[in-house]
N, C-alpha and C. Protein backbone atom coordinates (compact mmCIF):
# COMPACT_ATOMS: atom_id res chain seq x y z
N ALA A 1 13.36 -17.80 -11.23
CA ALA A 1 14.36 -17.57 -12.27
C ALA A 1 14.02 -18.41 -13.48
N GLY A 2 14.10 -17.78 -14.65
CA GLY A 2 13.87 -18.50 -15.89
C GLY A 2 12.42 -18.65 -16.29
N GLN A 3 11.48 -18.25 -15.47
CA GLN A 3 10.07 -18.37 -15.82
C GLN A 3 9.68 -17.27 -16.79
N LYS A 4 9.00 -17.65 -17.87
CA LYS A 4 8.54 -16.68 -18.86
C LYS A 4 7.19 -16.13 -18.40
N LEU A 5 7.09 -14.80 -18.33
CA LEU A 5 5.90 -14.14 -17.83
C LEU A 5 5.24 -13.30 -18.92
N THR A 6 3.93 -13.24 -18.89
CA THR A 6 3.17 -12.32 -19.73
C THR A 6 2.66 -11.21 -18.82
N ILE A 7 2.99 -9.98 -19.17
CA ILE A 7 2.60 -8.81 -18.38
C ILE A 7 1.71 -7.93 -19.23
N LYS A 8 0.55 -7.58 -18.68
CA LYS A 8 -0.39 -6.69 -19.36
C LYS A 8 -0.77 -5.58 -18.40
N ALA A 9 -0.89 -4.37 -18.92
CA ALA A 9 -1.25 -3.22 -18.10
C ALA A 9 -2.23 -2.34 -18.85
N GLU A 10 -3.22 -1.83 -18.12
CA GLU A 10 -4.13 -0.85 -18.72
C GLU A 10 -4.51 0.19 -17.68
N GLY A 11 -4.78 1.35 -18.18
CA GLY A 11 -5.16 2.46 -17.32
C GLY A 11 -4.65 3.76 -17.88
N MET A 12 -5.01 4.84 -17.20
CA MET A 12 -4.62 6.19 -17.62
C MET A 12 -4.24 6.96 -16.37
N TYR A 13 -3.18 7.74 -16.48
CA TYR A 13 -2.74 8.53 -15.34
C TYR A 13 -2.09 9.82 -15.84
N GLN A 14 -2.04 10.78 -14.95
CA GLN A 14 -1.44 12.08 -15.24
C GLN A 14 -0.05 12.13 -14.63
N LEU A 15 0.92 12.61 -15.41
CA LEU A 15 2.31 12.65 -14.96
C LEU A 15 2.75 14.02 -14.45
N GLU A 16 2.25 15.05 -15.02
CA GLU A 16 2.69 16.40 -14.68
C GLU A 16 1.47 17.28 -14.45
N ASP A 17 1.68 18.41 -13.76
CA ASP A 17 0.60 19.38 -13.58
C ASP A 17 0.63 20.45 -14.67
N ASP A 18 1.81 20.89 -15.03
CA ASP A 18 1.92 21.99 -16.00
C ASP A 18 3.06 21.71 -16.95
N PRO A 19 2.84 21.20 -18.14
CA PRO A 19 1.53 20.86 -18.69
C PRO A 19 1.03 19.53 -18.15
N ALA A 20 -0.28 19.32 -18.19
CA ALA A 20 -0.89 18.07 -17.70
C ALA A 20 -0.74 17.00 -18.78
N TRP A 21 0.20 16.08 -18.57
CA TRP A 21 0.45 15.01 -19.54
C TRP A 21 -0.29 13.76 -19.10
N GLN A 22 -1.16 13.27 -19.98
CA GLN A 22 -1.87 12.02 -19.75
C GLN A 22 -1.04 10.89 -20.35
N SER A 23 -0.99 9.76 -19.66
CA SER A 23 -0.17 8.65 -20.14
C SER A 23 -0.88 7.33 -19.91
N THR A 24 -0.50 6.35 -20.72
CA THR A 24 -0.84 4.95 -20.49
C THR A 24 0.47 4.26 -20.12
N ALA A 25 0.43 2.96 -19.97
CA ALA A 25 1.64 2.20 -19.63
C ALA A 25 2.72 2.29 -20.70
N GLU A 26 2.37 2.73 -21.90
CA GLU A 26 3.36 2.92 -22.96
C GLU A 26 4.24 4.13 -22.72
N GLY A 27 3.74 5.10 -21.95
CA GLY A 27 4.49 6.32 -21.68
C GLY A 27 4.27 7.37 -22.75
N VAL A 28 4.84 8.54 -22.51
CA VAL A 28 4.75 9.64 -23.48
C VAL A 28 6.14 9.87 -24.05
N THR A 29 6.21 9.96 -25.37
CA THR A 29 7.51 10.09 -26.01
C THR A 29 7.91 11.54 -26.22
N ILE A 30 7.25 12.45 -25.51
CA ILE A 30 7.64 13.85 -25.56
C ILE A 30 8.94 14.06 -24.81
N THR A 31 9.08 13.32 -23.72
CA THR A 31 10.29 13.43 -22.91
C THR A 31 10.64 12.06 -22.33
N TYR A 32 11.90 11.90 -21.97
CA TYR A 32 12.41 10.60 -21.51
C TYR A 32 13.10 10.75 -20.16
N HIS A 33 13.12 9.66 -19.41
CA HIS A 33 13.89 9.59 -18.17
C HIS A 33 14.67 8.29 -18.21
N ARG A 34 15.98 8.38 -18.07
CA ARG A 34 16.87 7.22 -18.14
C ARG A 34 16.67 6.38 -19.40
N GLY A 35 16.47 7.06 -20.52
CA GLY A 35 16.39 6.39 -21.81
C GLY A 35 15.05 5.76 -22.15
N ARG A 36 14.05 5.93 -21.29
CA ARG A 36 12.72 5.35 -21.55
C ARG A 36 11.68 6.46 -21.52
N PRO A 37 10.58 6.29 -22.26
CA PRO A 37 9.54 7.32 -22.24
C PRO A 37 9.02 7.58 -20.83
N LEU A 38 8.81 8.83 -20.52
CA LEU A 38 8.23 9.21 -19.24
C LEU A 38 6.86 8.55 -19.11
N GLY A 39 6.58 7.95 -17.97
CA GLY A 39 5.29 7.30 -17.74
C GLY A 39 5.22 5.85 -18.15
N ARG A 40 6.24 5.33 -18.82
CA ARG A 40 6.22 3.92 -19.26
C ARG A 40 6.32 3.00 -18.05
N LEU A 41 5.56 1.91 -18.07
CA LEU A 41 5.63 0.93 -16.99
C LEU A 41 6.93 0.15 -17.11
N ILE A 42 7.67 0.07 -16.01
CA ILE A 42 8.91 -0.69 -15.96
C ILE A 42 8.84 -1.69 -14.80
N ALA A 43 9.67 -2.71 -14.86
CA ALA A 43 9.66 -3.76 -13.83
C ALA A 43 11.08 -4.25 -13.57
N CYS A 44 11.25 -4.86 -12.41
CA CYS A 44 12.50 -5.53 -12.10
C CYS A 44 12.21 -6.63 -11.07
N VAL A 45 13.14 -7.54 -10.94
CA VAL A 45 13.05 -8.59 -9.92
C VAL A 45 14.16 -8.32 -8.90
N VAL A 46 13.75 -8.19 -7.64
CA VAL A 46 14.71 -8.08 -6.55
C VAL A 46 14.94 -9.51 -6.06
N PRO A 47 16.15 -10.03 -6.18
CA PRO A 47 16.42 -11.43 -5.82
C PRO A 47 16.11 -11.72 -4.36
N SER A 48 15.53 -12.89 -4.10
CA SER A 48 15.23 -13.29 -2.72
C SER A 48 16.47 -13.83 -2.02
N SER A 49 17.47 -14.23 -2.80
CA SER A 49 18.72 -14.71 -2.23
C SER A 49 19.86 -13.82 -2.72
N ILE A 50 20.49 -13.14 -1.78
CA ILE A 50 21.58 -12.24 -2.12
C ILE A 50 22.83 -12.72 -1.39
N PRO A 51 23.87 -13.16 -2.14
CA PRO A 51 25.06 -13.72 -1.50
C PRO A 51 25.71 -12.77 -0.48
N ASP A 52 25.90 -11.52 -0.86
CA ASP A 52 26.51 -10.55 0.04
C ASP A 52 25.39 -9.63 0.54
N GLN A 53 24.90 -9.87 1.74
CA GLN A 53 23.76 -9.15 2.29
C GLN A 53 24.00 -7.65 2.46
N ARG A 54 25.24 -7.22 2.33
CA ARG A 54 25.52 -5.79 2.48
C ARG A 54 25.18 -5.00 1.22
N TYR A 55 25.10 -5.68 0.07
CA TYR A 55 24.90 -4.98 -1.19
C TYR A 55 23.81 -5.64 -2.01
N LEU A 56 22.92 -4.83 -2.54
CA LEU A 56 21.91 -5.31 -3.48
C LEU A 56 22.55 -5.35 -4.86
N PRO A 57 22.43 -6.47 -5.58
CA PRO A 57 23.04 -6.52 -6.91
C PRO A 57 22.35 -5.52 -7.85
N LYS A 58 23.03 -5.17 -8.92
CA LYS A 58 22.45 -4.27 -9.91
C LYS A 58 21.18 -4.92 -10.47
N LEU A 59 20.09 -4.16 -10.46
CA LEU A 59 18.81 -4.70 -10.91
C LEU A 59 18.66 -4.53 -12.42
N GLU A 60 18.12 -5.56 -13.06
CA GLU A 60 17.85 -5.52 -14.49
C GLU A 60 16.46 -4.93 -14.69
N ILE A 61 16.38 -3.73 -15.26
CA ILE A 61 15.11 -3.05 -15.48
C ILE A 61 14.54 -3.50 -16.82
N HIS A 62 13.28 -3.90 -16.81
CA HIS A 62 12.59 -4.33 -18.03
C HIS A 62 11.51 -3.32 -18.35
N SER A 63 11.46 -2.86 -19.57
CA SER A 63 10.45 -1.91 -20.01
C SER A 63 9.24 -2.69 -20.52
N THR A 64 8.17 -2.75 -19.72
CA THR A 64 7.04 -3.62 -20.07
C THR A 64 6.00 -2.94 -20.95
N GLY A 65 5.68 -1.67 -20.69
CA GLY A 65 4.63 -1.01 -21.45
C GLY A 65 3.30 -1.69 -21.20
N GLU A 66 2.41 -1.65 -22.20
CA GLU A 66 1.06 -2.21 -22.04
C GLU A 66 1.03 -3.73 -22.15
N SER A 67 2.00 -4.31 -22.84
CA SER A 67 2.00 -5.77 -23.03
C SER A 67 3.41 -6.23 -23.37
N SER A 68 3.87 -7.26 -22.66
CA SER A 68 5.18 -7.81 -22.98
C SER A 68 5.31 -9.20 -22.41
N GLU A 69 6.27 -9.93 -22.93
CA GLU A 69 6.68 -11.21 -22.37
C GLU A 69 8.11 -11.04 -21.91
N TRP A 70 8.42 -11.64 -20.78
CA TRP A 70 9.72 -11.43 -20.16
C TRP A 70 10.12 -12.67 -19.40
N VAL A 71 11.37 -13.03 -19.44
CA VAL A 71 11.90 -14.14 -18.67
C VAL A 71 12.51 -13.57 -17.39
N ALA A 72 11.99 -14.00 -16.25
CA ALA A 72 12.49 -13.51 -14.96
C ALA A 72 13.96 -13.88 -14.80
N PRO A 73 14.82 -12.89 -14.53
CA PRO A 73 16.25 -13.17 -14.43
C PRO A 73 16.67 -13.81 -13.11
N ALA A 74 15.79 -13.77 -12.11
CA ALA A 74 16.14 -14.32 -10.79
C ALA A 74 14.86 -14.70 -10.06
N THR A 75 14.98 -15.50 -9.02
CA THR A 75 13.86 -15.79 -8.14
C THR A 75 13.79 -14.66 -7.12
N GLY A 76 12.60 -14.10 -6.95
CA GLY A 76 12.49 -12.99 -6.00
C GLY A 76 11.18 -12.26 -6.13
N TRP A 77 11.20 -10.98 -5.79
CA TRP A 77 10.01 -10.13 -5.78
C TRP A 77 9.97 -9.32 -7.06
N LEU A 78 8.83 -9.39 -7.75
CA LEU A 78 8.63 -8.63 -8.99
C LEU A 78 8.05 -7.28 -8.61
N LEU A 79 8.77 -6.22 -8.94
CA LEU A 79 8.35 -4.86 -8.61
C LEU A 79 8.07 -4.06 -9.88
N PHE A 80 7.03 -3.22 -9.82
CA PHE A 80 6.67 -2.36 -10.95
C PHE A 80 6.76 -0.91 -10.54
N LYS A 81 7.01 -0.06 -11.53
CA LYS A 81 7.08 1.38 -11.29
C LYS A 81 6.75 2.10 -12.60
N VAL A 82 6.12 3.25 -12.48
CA VAL A 82 5.94 4.12 -13.63
C VAL A 82 7.21 4.94 -13.76
N ASN A 83 7.80 4.94 -14.94
CA ASN A 83 9.06 5.64 -15.17
C ASN A 83 8.84 7.16 -15.05
N ASP A 84 9.45 7.75 -14.04
CA ASP A 84 9.35 9.19 -13.82
C ASP A 84 10.55 9.63 -13.01
N ARG A 85 10.87 10.91 -13.12
CA ARG A 85 11.97 11.47 -12.33
C ARG A 85 11.60 11.46 -10.85
N PRO A 86 12.53 11.14 -9.96
CA PRO A 86 12.22 11.08 -8.52
C PRO A 86 11.63 12.38 -7.97
N ASP A 87 12.01 13.52 -8.51
CA ASP A 87 11.48 14.79 -8.01
C ASP A 87 10.11 15.14 -8.60
N SER A 88 9.54 14.25 -9.42
CA SER A 88 8.24 14.52 -10.05
C SER A 88 7.16 13.52 -9.65
N LEU A 89 7.44 12.64 -8.71
CA LEU A 89 6.46 11.62 -8.33
C LEU A 89 5.26 12.20 -7.58
N HIS A 90 5.43 13.33 -6.93
CA HIS A 90 4.38 13.91 -6.09
C HIS A 90 3.13 14.33 -6.88
N ASN A 91 3.26 14.59 -8.18
CA ASN A 91 2.11 15.08 -8.93
C ASN A 91 1.49 14.02 -9.84
N ASN A 92 1.85 12.76 -9.67
CA ASN A 92 1.27 11.67 -10.46
C ASN A 92 -0.06 11.25 -9.84
N ARG A 93 -1.06 11.04 -10.69
CA ARG A 93 -2.35 10.54 -10.19
C ARG A 93 -3.06 9.79 -11.31
N GLY A 94 -3.87 8.82 -10.89
CA GLY A 94 -4.60 8.02 -11.85
C GLY A 94 -4.55 6.56 -11.46
N ASP A 95 -4.88 5.68 -12.39
CA ASP A 95 -4.95 4.25 -12.12
C ASP A 95 -4.25 3.46 -13.19
N LEU A 96 -3.63 2.38 -12.75
CA LEU A 96 -2.98 1.44 -13.66
C LEU A 96 -3.18 0.05 -13.08
N GLU A 97 -3.77 -0.83 -13.86
CA GLU A 97 -3.99 -2.21 -13.43
C GLU A 97 -3.03 -3.11 -14.19
N VAL A 98 -2.26 -3.92 -13.45
CA VAL A 98 -1.24 -4.78 -14.04
C VAL A 98 -1.59 -6.23 -13.73
N SER A 99 -1.52 -7.09 -14.75
CA SER A 99 -1.70 -8.53 -14.52
C SER A 99 -0.44 -9.25 -14.97
N VAL A 100 -0.09 -10.27 -14.21
CA VAL A 100 1.10 -11.08 -14.49
C VAL A 100 0.68 -12.54 -14.49
N LYS A 101 0.99 -13.23 -15.58
CA LYS A 101 0.66 -14.66 -15.70
C LYS A 101 1.83 -15.39 -16.32
N PRO A 102 1.95 -16.68 -16.03
CA PRO A 102 2.96 -17.46 -16.77
C PRO A 102 2.63 -17.40 -18.26
N ALA A 103 3.62 -17.26 -19.10
CA ALA A 103 3.39 -17.15 -20.55
C ALA A 103 2.67 -18.40 -21.06
N GLY A 104 1.78 -18.18 -21.99
CA GLY A 104 1.03 -19.28 -22.59
C GLY A 104 -0.29 -19.57 -21.90
N ARG A 105 -0.62 -18.84 -20.86
CA ARG A 105 -1.91 -19.05 -20.18
C ARG A 105 -2.87 -17.94 -20.45
């Protein structure tokens, strides 16, 4: 919690079959899902300590794109995902390499 991170991502991947949309971590601004460009790299921290084990707290989604700095909101697991509709994940293919470092290094 509170650690400032530098996140960098590079690569190219296909999001759809028809039409075949190529994307980078910035996403494609032709269409959006949940207010962010389709294909944009997003991240969140799942807290390692959850007071009420029955419920996962609402996760803070961070839109990272190809390069960003972000302060981790909690101690836990840093998860990444390409922003896409759940019913469209089956046709995604390609590569994306993500690096995470403490800011300033």
